[in-house]
Amino acid sequence: MKKITAFEYAGCPYCVQGKKALADLIEENPEYGKVEVEWIEENEHPEIIANYDYYATPSMFIDGEKKYEAHLFESYEECRGHIKDVLDEALR
């Protein structure tokens, strides 16, 4: 099982959507709850985000490789699908 490093930005509606999708997925499949997800608020840790290449939040990485990055006008279902894919990869 691999750890997910996730970046968020305070007040970002897409981050709220991403965290809701994550919580909903864990509720539906408790196996997802076994995956460690470390959320990093980018304004609080500029020294960490300097080592990652992303533009939008939320963004999720496994072993330093970007697996998901939100985009403008992303729907909840689209976000949920991407986060599910990241969780599935982390469980492999």
C-alpha atoms as a PDB file:
ATOM      1  CA  MET A   1       0.000   0.000   0.000  1.00  0.00           C
ATOM      2  CA  LYS A   2       1.298   3.433  -0.917  1.00  0.00           C
ATOM      3  CA  LYS A   3       0.860   6.797   0.780  1.00  0.00           C
ATOM      4  CA  ILE A   4      -0.896   9.656  -1.019  1.00  0.00           C
ATOM      5  CA  THR A   5       0.449  13.168  -0.631  1.00  0.00           C
ATOM      6  CA  ALA A   6      -2.333  15.658  -1.334  1.00  0.00           C
ATOM      7  CA  PHE A   7      -2.116  19.423  -1.639  1.00  0.00           C
ATOM      8  CA  GLU A   8      -4.905  21.789  -0.733  1.00  0.00           C
ATOM      9  CA  TYR A   9      -5.473  25.511  -0.523  1.00  0.00           C
ATOM     10  CA  ALA A  10      -7.568  27.114   2.226  1.00  0.00           C
ATOM     11  CA  GLY A  11     -10.892  28.340   0.888  1.00  0.00           C
ATOM     12  CA  CYS A  12     -10.631  26.365  -2.363  1.00  0.00           C
ATOM     13  CA  PRO A  13     -14.059  24.973  -3.353  1.00  0.00           C
ATOM     14  CA  TYR A  14     -12.425  22.195  -5.372  1.00  0.00           C
ATOM     15  CA  CYS A  15     -10.526  21.083  -2.272  1.00  0.00           C
ATOM     16  CA  VAL A  16     -13.783  20.928  -0.318  1.00  0.00           C
ATOM     17  CA  GLN A  17     -15.243  18.862  -3.156  1.00  0.00           C
ATOM     18  CA  GLY A  18     -12.184  16.588  -3.192  1.00  0.00           C
ATOM     19  CA  LYS A  19     -12.303  15.960   0.541  1.00  0.00           C
ATOM     20  CA  LYS A  20     -16.034  15.199   0.329  1.00  0.00           C
ATOM     21  CA  ALA A  21     -15.383  12.753  -2.510  1.00  0.00           C
ATOM     22  CA  LEU A  22     -12.631  11.084  -0.474  1.00  0.00           C
ATOM     23  CA  ALA A  23     -14.905  10.771   2.575  1.00  0.00           C
ATOM     24  CA  ASP A  24     -17.756   9.384   0.445  1.00  0.00           C
ATOM     25  CA  LEU A  25     -15.455   6.827  -1.180  1.00  0.00           C
ATOM     26  CA  ILE A  26     -14.142   5.683   2.213  1.00  0.00           C
ATOM     27  CA  GLU A  27     -17.700   5.336   3.493  1.00  0.00           C
ATOM     28  CA  GLU A  28     -18.608   3.193   0.477  1.00  0.00           C
ATOM     29  CA  ASN A  29     -15.417   1.113   0.585  1.00  0.00           C
ATOM     30  CA  PRO A  30     -13.680   0.881   3.969  1.00  0.00           C
ATOM     31  CA  GLU A  31     -10.517  -0.452   2.261  1.00  0.00           C
ATOM     32  CA  TYR A  32      -9.895   3.086   1.020  1.00  0.00           C
ATOM     33  CA  GLY A  33      -9.737   4.211   4.637  1.00  0.00           C
ATOM     34  CA  LYS A  34      -6.570   2.149   5.074  1.00  0.00           C
ATOM     35  CA  VAL A  35      -4.692   4.366   2.612  1.00  0.00           C
ATOM     36  CA  GLU A  36      -2.693   7.108   4.314  1.00  0.00           C
ATOM     37  CA  VAL A  37      -3.502  10.497   2.808  1.00  0.00           C
ATOM     38  CA  GLU A  38      -1.327  13.368   3.980  1.00  0.00           C
ATOM     39  CA  TRP A  39      -3.006  16.712   3.255  1.00  0.00           C
ATOM     40  CA  ILE A  40      -0.610  19.642   2.981  1.00  0.00           C
ATOM     41  CA  GLU A  41      -1.939  23.204   3.007  1.00  0.00           C
ATOM     42  CA  GLU A  42       0.245  24.959   0.474  1.00  0.00           C
ATOM     43  CA  ASN A  43       0.398  28.327   2.258  1.00  0.00           C
ATOM     44  CA  GLU A  44       1.632  26.650   5.431  1.00  0.00           C
ATOM     45  CA  HIS A  45       4.384  24.594   3.787  1.00  0.00           C
ATOM     46  CA  PRO A  46       6.011  26.390   0.837  1.00  0.00           C
ATOM     47  CA  GLU A  47       9.200  24.422   1.470  1.00  0.00           C
ATOM     48  CA  ILE A  48       7.336  21.186   0.688  1.00  0.00           C
ATOM     49  CA  ILE A  49       5.350  22.359  -2.329  1.00  0.00           C
ATOM     50  CA  ALA A  50       8.544  23.617  -3.954  1.00  0.00           C
ATOM     51  CA  ASN A  51       9.380  19.950  -4.574  1.00  0.00           C
ATOM     52  CA  TYR A  52       6.141  19.181  -6.460  1.00  0.00           C
ATOM     53  CA  ASP A  53       4.941  20.247  -9.891  1.00  0.00           C
ATOM     54  CA  TYR A  54       1.274  21.218  -9.930  1.00  0.00           C
ATOM     55  CA  TYR A  55      -0.862  24.246 -10.669  1.00  0.00           C
ATOM     56  CA  ALA A  56      -4.302  23.562  -9.181  1.00  0.00           C
ATOM     57  CA  THR A  57      -5.608  22.078  -5.963  1.00  0.00           C
ATOM     58  CA  PRO A  58      -6.426  19.535  -4.885  1.00  0.00           C
ATOM     59  CA  SER A  59      -3.518  17.636  -6.357  1.00  0.00           C
ATOM     60  CA  MET A  60      -2.518  14.106  -5.365  1.00  0.00           C
ATOM     61  CA  PHE A  61       0.827  12.377  -5.694  1.00  0.00           C
ATOM     62  CA  ILE A  62       2.090   8.847  -5.107  1.00  0.00           C
ATOM     63  CA  ASP A  63       5.840   8.437  -4.732  1.00  0.00           C
ATOM     64  CA  GLY A  64       6.348  11.983  -6.028  1.00  0.00           C
ATOM     65  CA  GLU A  65       4.397  11.352  -9.238  1.00  0.00           C
ATOM     66  CA  LYS A  66       1.290  13.439  -9.896  1.00  0.00           C
ATOM     67  CA  LYS A  67      -1.778  11.237 -10.195  1.00  0.00           C
ATOM     68  CA  TYR A  68      -4.547  13.833 -10.040  1.00  0.00           C
ATOM     69  CA  GLU A  69      -4.899  17.580 -10.365  1.00  0.00           C
ATOM     70  CA  ALA A  70      -8.243  19.366 -10.271  1.00  0.00           C
ATOM     71  CA  HIS A  71      -9.280  21.746 -13.023  1.00  0.00           C
ATOM     72  CA  LEU A  72     -11.735  24.611 -13.379  1.00  0.00           C
ATOM     73  CA  PHE A  73     -15.385  23.643 -13.566  1.00  0.00           C
ATOM     74  CA  GLU A  74     -14.636  20.055 -12.538  1.00  0.00           C
ATOM     75  CA  SER A  75     -17.815  18.303 -11.449  1.00  0.00           C
ATOM     76  CA  TYR A  76     -18.120  16.317  -8.242  1.00  0.00           C
ATOM     77  CA  GLU A  77     -18.495  13.063 -10.196  1.00  0.00           C
ATOM     78  CA  GLU A  78     -15.375  13.764 -12.250  1.00  0.00           C
ATOM     79  CA  CYS A  79     -13.393  14.621  -9.113  1.00  0.00           C
ATOM     80  CA  ARG A  80     -14.694  11.504  -7.358  1.00  0.00           C
ATOM     81  CA  GLY A  81     -13.664   9.309 -10.284  1.00  0.00           C
ATOM     82  CA  HIS A  82     -10.127  10.692 -10.290  1.00  0.00           C
ATOM     83  CA  ILE A  83      -9.732  10.290  -6.537  1.00  0.00           C
ATOM     84  CA  LYS A  84     -11.061   6.726  -6.758  1.00  0.00           C
ATOM     85  CA  ASP A  85      -8.396   5.983  -9.386  1.00  0.00           C
ATOM     86  CA  VAL A  86      -5.681   7.357  -7.090  1.00  0.00           C
ATOM     87  CA  LEU A  87      -6.965   5.297  -4.160  1.00  0.00           C
ATOM     88  CA  ASP A  88      -7.085   2.171  -6.296  1.00  0.00           C
ATOM     89  CA  GLU A  89      -3.492   2.723  -7.373  1.00  0.00           C
ATOM     90  CA  ALA A  90      -2.394   3.301  -3.783  1.00  0.00           C
ATOM     91  CA  LEU A  91      -3.955  -0.016  -2.744  1.00  0.00           C
ATOM     92  CA  ARG A  92      -2.017  -2.019  -5.386  1.00  0.00           C
END
